[in-house]
All heavy atoms as atom14 arrays in JSON, in Angstrom:
{
  "sequence": "NKYIYGLFCGRNREELLNSEINSTTVYVFD",
  "atom14_mask": [
    [1, 1, 1, 1, 1, 1, 1, 1, 0, 0, 0, 0, 0, 0],
    [1, 1, 1, 1, 1, 1, 1, 1, 1, 0, 0, 0, 0, 0],
    [1, 1, 1, 1, 1, 1, 1, 1, 1, 1, 1, 1, 0, 0],
    [1, 1, 1, 1, 1, 1, 1, 1, 0, 0, 0, 0, 0, 0],
    [1, 1, 1, 1, 1, 1, 1, 1, 1, 1, 1, 1, 0, 0],
    [1, 1, 1, 1, 0, 0, 0, 0, 0, 0, 0, 0, 0, 0],
    [1, 1, 1, 1, 1, 1, 1, 1, 0, 0, 0, 0, 0, 0],
    [1, 1, 1, 1, 1, 1, 1, 1, 1, 1, 1, 0, 0, 0],
    [1, 1, 1, 1, 1, 1, 0, 0, 0, 0, 0, 0, 0, 0],
    [1, 1, 1, 1, 0, 0, 0, 0, 0, 0, 0, 0, 0, 0],
    [1, 1, 1, 1, 1, 1, 1, 1, 1, 1, 1, 0, 0, 0],
    [1, 1, 1, 1, 1, 1, 1, 1, 0, 0, 0, 0, 0, 0],
    [1, 1, 1, 1, 1, 1, 1, 1, 1, 1, 1, 0, 0, 0],
    [1, 1, 1, 1, 1, 1, 1, 1, 1, 0, 0, 0, 0, 0],
    [1, 1, 1, 1, 1, 1, 1, 1, 1, 0, 0, 0, 0, 0],
    [1, 1, 1, 1, 1, 1, 1, 1, 0, 0, 0, 0, 0, 0],
    [1, 1, 1, 1, 1, 1, 1, 1, 0, 0, 0, 0, 0, 0],
    [1, 1, 1, 1, 1, 1, 1, 1, 0, 0, 0, 0, 0, 0],
    [1, 1, 1, 1, 1, 1, 0, 0, 0, 0, 0, 0, 0, 0],
    [1, 1, 1, 1, 1, 1, 1, 1, 1, 0, 0, 0, 0, 0],
    [1, 1, 1, 1, 1, 1, 1, 1, 0, 0, 0, 0, 0, 0],
    [1, 1, 1, 1, 1, 1, 1, 1, 0, 0, 0, 0, 0, 0],
    [1, 1, 1, 1, 1, 1, 0, 0, 0, 0, 0, 0, 0, 0],
    [1, 1, 1, 1, 1, 1, 1, 0, 0, 0, 0, 0, 0, 0],
    [1, 1, 1, 1, 1, 1, 1, 0, 0, 0, 0, 0, 0, 0],
    [1, 1, 1, 1, 1, 1, 1, 0, 0, 0, 0, 0, 0, 0],
    [1, 1, 1, 1, 1, 1, 1, 1, 1, 1, 1, 1, 0, 0],
    [1, 1, 1, 1, 1, 1, 1, 0, 0, 0, 0, 0, 0, 0],
    [1, 1, 1, 1, 1, 1, 1, 1, 1, 1, 1, 0, 0, 0],
    [1, 1, 1, 1, 1, 1, 1, 1, 0, 0, 0, 0, 0, 0]
  ],
  "atom14_positions": [
    [[-13.73, -178.72, -7.62], [-13.42, -178.26, -6.26], [-12.81, -176.87, -6.26], [-12.92, -176.14, -5.29], [-12.47, -179.25, -5.58], [-13.15, -180.55, -5.23], [-14.23, -180.55, -4.65], [-12.53, -181.67, -5.58], [0.0, 0.0, 0.0], [0.0, 0.0, 0.0], [0.0, 0.0, 0.0], [0.0, 0.0, 0.0], [0.0, 0.0, 0.0], [0.0, 0.0, 0.0]],
    [[-12.18, -176.51, -7.4], [-11.49, -175.23, -7.49], [-12.3, -174.17, -8.23], [-12.36, -173.01, -7.8], [-10.15, -175.45, -8.19], [-9.2, -174.27, -8.14], [-7.85, -174.65, -8.75], [-6.87, -173.49, -8.67], [-5.55, -173.84, -9.28], [0.0, 0.0, 0.0], [0.0, 0.0, 0.0], [0.0, 0.0, 0.0], [0.0, 0.0, 0.0], [0.0, 0.0, 0.0]],
    [[-12.95, -174.57, -9.35], [-13.58, -173.59, -10.22], [-15.0, -173.99, -10.63], [-15.39, -175.16, -10.55], [-12.76, -173.42, -11.51], [-11.4, -172.8, -11.33], [-10.26, -173.42, -11.84], [-11.24, -171.58, -10.67], [-9.0, -172.85, -11.71], [-9.98, -171.01, -10.52], [-8.87, -171.64, -11.04], [-7.63, -171.07, -10.9], [0.0, 0.0, 0.0], [0.0, 0.0, 0.0]],
    [[-15.72, -172.98, -11.11], [-17.0, -173.13, -11.8], [-16.73, -172.98, -13.29], [-16.05, -172.03, -13.71], [-18.0, -172.06, -11.33], [-18.27, -172.16, -9.84], [-19.31, -172.14, -12.13], [-18.97, -170.94, -9.26], [0.0, 0.0, 0.0], [0.0, 0.0, 0.0], [0.0, 0.0, 0.0], [0.0, 0.0, 0.0], [0.0, 0.0, 0.0], [0.0, 0.0, 0.0]],
    [[-17.28, -173.88, -14.11], [-17.06, -173.86, -15.55], [-18.41, -173.67, -16.25], [-19.3, -174.5, -16.11], [-16.42, -175.15, -16.02], [-15.11, -175.48, -15.35], [-15.09, -176.1, -14.1], [-13.89, -175.17, -15.95], [-13.89, -176.4, -13.47], [-12.69, -175.47, -15.34], [-12.69, -176.08, -14.09], [-11.49, -176.37, -13.46], [0.0, 0.0, 0.0], [0.0, 0.0, 0.0]],
    [[-18.56, -172.58, -17.0], [-19.8, -172.3, -17.7], [-19.6, -172.3, -19.2], [-18.81, -171.5, -19.74], [0.0, 0.0, 0.0], [0.0, 0.0, 0.0], [0.0, 0.0, 0.0], [0.0, 0.0, 0.0], [0.0, 0.0, 0.0], [0.0, 0.0, 0.0], [0.0, 0.0, 0.0], [0.0, 0.0, 0.0], [0.0, 0.0, 0.0], [0.0, 0.0, 0.0]],
    [[-20.31, -173.21, -19.91], [-20.24, -173.27, -21.38], [-21.22, -172.25, -21.93], [-22.43, -172.42, -21.8], [-20.58, -174.69, -21.84], [-20.59, -174.93, -23.35], [-19.19, -174.77, -23.94], [-21.15, -176.32, -23.66], [0.0, 0.0, 0.0], [0.0, 0.0, 0.0], [0.0, 0.0, 0.0], [0.0, 0.0, 0.0], [0.0, 0.0, 0.0], [0.0, 0.0, 0.0]],
    [[-20.7, -171.22, -22.58], [-21.54, -170.09, -22.99], [-21.94, -170.21, -24.46], [-21.11, -170.5, -25.33], [-20.8, -168.77, -22.77], [-21.69, -167.57, -22.95], [-22.63, -167.24, -21.98], [-21.61, -166.79, -24.1], [-23.46, -166.14, -22.14], [-22.44, -165.69, -24.26], [-23.36, -165.37, -23.29], [0.0, 0.0, 0.0], [0.0, 0.0, 0.0], [0.0, 0.0, 0.0]],
    [[-23.21, -169.95, -24.73], [-23.75, -170.05, -26.09], [-23.68, -168.69, -26.8], [-22.92, -168.53, -27.75], [-25.18, -170.56, -26.04], [-25.97, -170.68, -27.65], [0.0, 0.0, 0.0], [0.0, 0.0, 0.0], [0.0, 0.0, 0.0], [0.0, 0.0, 0.0], [0.0, 0.0, 0.0], [0.0, 0.0, 0.0], [0.0, 0.0, 0.0], [0.0, 0.0, 0.0]],
    [[-24.51, -167.74, -26.39], [-24.5, -166.41, -27.01], [-25.12, -166.36, -28.39], [-24.94, -165.38, -29.12], [0.0, 0.0, 0.0], [0.0, 0.0, 0.0], [0.0, 0.0, 0.0], [0.0, 0.0, 0.0], [0.0, 0.0, 0.0], [0.0, 0.0, 0.0], [0.0, 0.0, 0.0], [0.0, 0.0, 0.0], [0.0, 0.0, 0.0], [0.0, 0.0, 0.0]],
    [[-25.87, -167.39, -28.78], [-26.51, -167.44, -30.09], [-28.02, -167.56, -29.92], [-28.5, -168.14, -28.95], [-25.98, -168.63, -30.91], [-24.51, -168.49, -31.27], [-23.95, -169.77, -31.86], [-22.59, -169.59, -32.35], [-21.51, -169.61, -31.58], [-21.63, -169.81, -30.26], [-20.32, -169.42, -32.09], [0.0, 0.0, 0.0], [0.0, 0.0, 0.0], [0.0, 0.0, 0.0]],
    [[-28.76, -167.03, -30.89], [-30.22, -167.1, -30.79], [-30.75, -168.36, -31.45], [-30.0, -169.14, -32.05], [-30.88, -165.84, -31.36], [-30.57, -165.63, -32.84], [-30.48, -166.57, -33.61], [-30.4, -164.36, -33.23], [0.0, 0.0, 0.0], [0.0, 0.0, 0.0], [0.0, 0.0, 0.0], [0.0, 0.0, 0.0], [0.0, 0.0, 0.0], [0.0, 0.0, 0.0]],
    [[-32.06, -168.53, -31.39], [-32.69, -169.76, -31.87], [-32.44, -169.99, -33.37], [-32.12, -171.09, -33.8], [-34.19, -169.71, -31.59], [-34.95, -170.98, -31.95], [-36.38, -170.89, -31.45], [-37.14, -172.07, -31.83], [-37.81, -172.2, -32.96], [-37.8, -171.21, -33.86], [-38.49, -173.31, -33.22], [0.0, 0.0, 0.0], [0.0, 0.0, 0.0], [0.0, 0.0, 0.0]],
    [[-32.56, -168.93, -34.16], [-32.37, -169.06, -35.6], [-30.94, -169.46, -35.93], [-30.7, -170.31, -36.8], [-32.73, -167.75, -36.3], [-32.66, -167.84, -37.82], [-33.08, -166.55, -38.5], [-33.49, -165.6, -37.79], [-32.98, -166.48, -39.74], [0.0, 0.0, 0.0], [0.0, 0.0, 0.0], [0.0, 0.0, 0.0], [0.0, 0.0, 0.0], [0.0, 0.0, 0.0]],
    [[-29.98, -168.86, -35.24], [-28.58, -169.19, -35.49], [-28.29, -170.65, -35.13], [-27.53, -171.32, -35.83], [-27.68, -168.26, -34.67], [-27.67, -166.82, -35.17], [-26.96, -165.88, -34.23], [-27.07, -166.07, -32.99], [-26.29, -164.95, -34.72], [0.0, 0.0, 0.0], [0.0, 0.0, 0.0], [0.0, 0.0, 0.0], [0.0, 0.0, 0.0], [0.0, 0.0, 0.0]],
    [[-28.9, -171.14, -34.07], [-28.7, -172.53, -33.67], [-29.33, -173.5, -34.66], [-28.77, -174.57, -34.94], [-29.25, -172.76, -32.26], [-28.54, -172.02, -31.13], [-29.27, -172.23, -29.81], [-27.1, -172.49, -31.0], [0.0, 0.0, 0.0], [0.0, 0.0, 0.0], [0.0, 0.0, 0.0], [0.0, 0.0, 0.0], [0.0, 0.0, 0.0], [0.0, 0.0, 0.0]],
    [[-30.49, -173.14, -35.2], [-31.18, -174.01, -36.15], [-30.44, -174.11, -37.48], [-30.48, -175.14, -38.15], [-32.6, -173.51, -36.4], [-33.61, -173.71, -35.25], [-34.92, -173.02, -35.57], [-33.84, -175.2, -34.99], [0.0, 0.0, 0.0], [0.0, 0.0, 0.0], [0.0, 0.0, 0.0], [0.0, 0.0, 0.0], [0.0, 0.0, 0.0], [0.0, 0.0, 0.0]],
    [[-29.75, -173.04, -37.86], [-29.1, -172.98, -39.17], [-27.61, -173.31, -39.14], [-26.9, -173.09, -40.12], [-29.3, -171.59, -39.79], [-30.76, -171.31, -40.09], [-31.5, -172.22, -40.48], [-31.18, -170.07, -39.91], [0.0, 0.0, 0.0], [0.0, 0.0, 0.0], [0.0, 0.0, 0.0], [0.0, 0.0, 0.0], [0.0, 0.0, 0.0], [0.0, 0.0, 0.0]],
    [[-27.14, -173.83, -38.02], [-25.72, -174.12, -37.9], [-25.51, -175.27, -36.93], [-26.36, -175.55, -36.08], [-24.97, -172.87, -37.41], [-23.64, -173.17, -37.08], [0.0, 0.0, 0.0], [0.0, 0.0, 0.0], [0.0, 0.0, 0.0], [0.0, 0.0, 0.0], [0.0, 0.0, 0.0], [0.0, 0.0, 0.0], [0.0, 0.0, 0.0], [0.0, 0.0, 0.0]],
    [[-24.37, -175.93, -37.06], [-23.99, -176.96, -36.09], [-23.24, -176.38, -34.91], [-22.86, -177.1, -33.99], [-23.12, -178.03, -36.78], [-23.85, -178.84, -37.85], [-22.95, -179.85, -38.52], [-21.73, -179.86, -38.22], [-23.44, -180.65, -39.34], [0.0, 0.0, 0.0], [0.0, 0.0, 0.0], [0.0, 0.0, 0.0], [0.0, 0.0, 0.0], [0.0, 0.0, 0.0]],
    [[-23.03, -175.07, -34.94], [-22.29, -174.41, -33.86], [-23.24, -174.06, -32.72], [-24.24, -173.38, -32.91], [-21.59, -173.13, -34.36], [-20.67, -173.45, -35.55], [-20.79, -172.49, -33.23], [-19.56, -174.42, -35.23], [0.0, 0.0, 0.0], [0.0, 0.0, 0.0], [0.0, 0.0, 0.0], [0.0, 0.0, 0.0], [0.0, 0.0, 0.0], [0.0, 0.0, 0.0]],
    [[-22.91, -174.52, -31.53], [-23.69, -174.18, -30.34], [-22.86, -173.3, -29.4], [-23.14, -172.13, -29.26], [-24.12, -175.48, -29.63], [-25.02, -175.24, -28.43], [-24.83, -174.29, -27.69], [-25.99, -176.11, -28.22], [0.0, 0.0, 0.0], [0.0, 0.0, 0.0], [0.0, 0.0, 0.0], [0.0, 0.0, 0.0], [0.0, 0.0, 0.0], [0.0, 0.0, 0.0]],
    [[-21.84, -173.9, -28.81], [-21.01, -173.16, -27.85], [-19.54, -173.52, -28.04], [-19.19, -174.7, -28.12], [-21.44, -173.5, -26.41], [-22.8, -173.24, -26.2], [0.0, 0.0, 0.0], [0.0, 0.0, 0.0], [0.0, 0.0, 0.0], [0.0, 0.0, 0.0], [0.0, 0.0, 0.0], [0.0, 0.0, 0.0], [0.0, 0.0, 0.0], [0.0, 0.0, 0.0]],
    [[-18.7, -172.5, -28.09], [-17.27, -172.72, -28.27], [-16.44, -171.98, -27.22], [-15.22, -171.85, -27.38], [-16.82, -172.27, -29.67], [-17.15, -170.88, -29.86], [-17.48, -173.1, -30.76], [0.0, 0.0, 0.0], [0.0, 0.0, 0.0], [0.0, 0.0, 0.0], [0.0, 0.0, 0.0], [0.0, 0.0, 0.0], [0.0, 0.0, 0.0], [0.0, 0.0, 0.0]],
    [[-17.09, -171.5, -26.16], [-16.4, -170.74, -25.13], [-16.81, -171.23, -23.75], [-17.99, -171.42, -23.48], [-16.71, -169.23, -25.24], [-16.39, -168.78, -26.55], [-15.9, -168.44, -24.22], [0.0, 0.0, 0.0], [0.0, 0.0, 0.0], [0.0, 0.0, 0.0], [0.0, 0.0, 0.0], [0.0, 0.0, 0.0], [0.0, 0.0, 0.0], [0.0, 0.0, 0.0]],
    [[-15.82, -171.41, -22.89], [-16.08, -171.76, -21.49], [-15.52, -170.65, -20.62], [-14.34, -170.29, -20.73], [-15.42, -173.1, -21.1], [-15.6, -173.38, -19.61], [-16.01, -174.24, -21.93], [0.0, 0.0, 0.0], [0.0, 0.0, 0.0], [0.0, 0.0, 0.0], [0.0, 0.0, 0.0], [0.0, 0.0, 0.0], [0.0, 0.0, 0.0], [0.0, 0.0, 0.0]],
    [[-16.37, -170.08, -19.77], [-15.91, -169.09, -18.8], [-15.68, -169.78, -17.46], [-16.5, -170.59, -17.02], [-16.94, -167.97, -18.65], [-17.08, -167.14, -19.92], [-18.27, -167.12, -20.62], [-16.01, -166.41, -20.4], [-18.4, -166.38, -21.79], [-16.12, -165.66, -21.57], [-17.31, -165.65, -22.25], [-17.43, -164.93, -23.41], [0.0, 0.0, 0.0], [0.0, 0.0, 0.0]],
    [[-14.55, -169.44, -16.84], [-14.13, -170.11, -15.6], [-14.11, -169.08, -14.47], [-13.54, -167.99, -14.62], [-12.74, -170.74, -15.76], [-12.35, -171.5, -14.5], [-12.72, -171.68, -16.98], [0.0, 0.0, 0.0], [0.0, 0.0, 0.0], [0.0, 0.0, 0.0], [0.0, 0.0, 0.0], [0.0, 0.0, 0.0], [0.0, 0.0, 0.0], [0.0, 0.0, 0.0]],
    [[-14.74, -169.45, -13.34], [-14.84, -168.55, -12.18], [-14.39, -169.28, -10.92], [-14.5, -170.51, -10.83], [-16.3, -168.1, -11.97], [-16.99, -167.64, -13.22], [-17.71, -168.53, -14.0], [-16.93, -166.31, -13.61], [-18.35, -168.12, -15.16], [-17.57, -165.88, -14.77], [-18.27, -166.79, -15.55], [0.0, 0.0, 0.0], [0.0, 0.0, 0.0], [0.0, 0.0, 0.0]],
    [[-13.91, -168.51, -9.94], [-13.7, -169.11, -8.63], [-14.99, -168.98, -7.83], [-15.97, -168.37, -8.29], [-12.5, -168.49, -7.9], [-12.65, -166.99, -7.62], [-13.8, -166.5, -7.55], [-11.62, -166.31, -7.47], [0.0, 0.0, 0.0], [0.0, 0.0, 0.0], [0.0, 0.0, 0.0], [0.0, 0.0, 0.0], [0.0, 0.0, 0.0], [0.0, 0.0, 0.0]]
  ]
}
């Protein structure tokens, strides 16, 4: 009700395939 929460990736396909890391940052907006 207060904010928009966006889970940001910022990684390409190769990086995602070769790692268990997907997204570690959430940007919050009104």
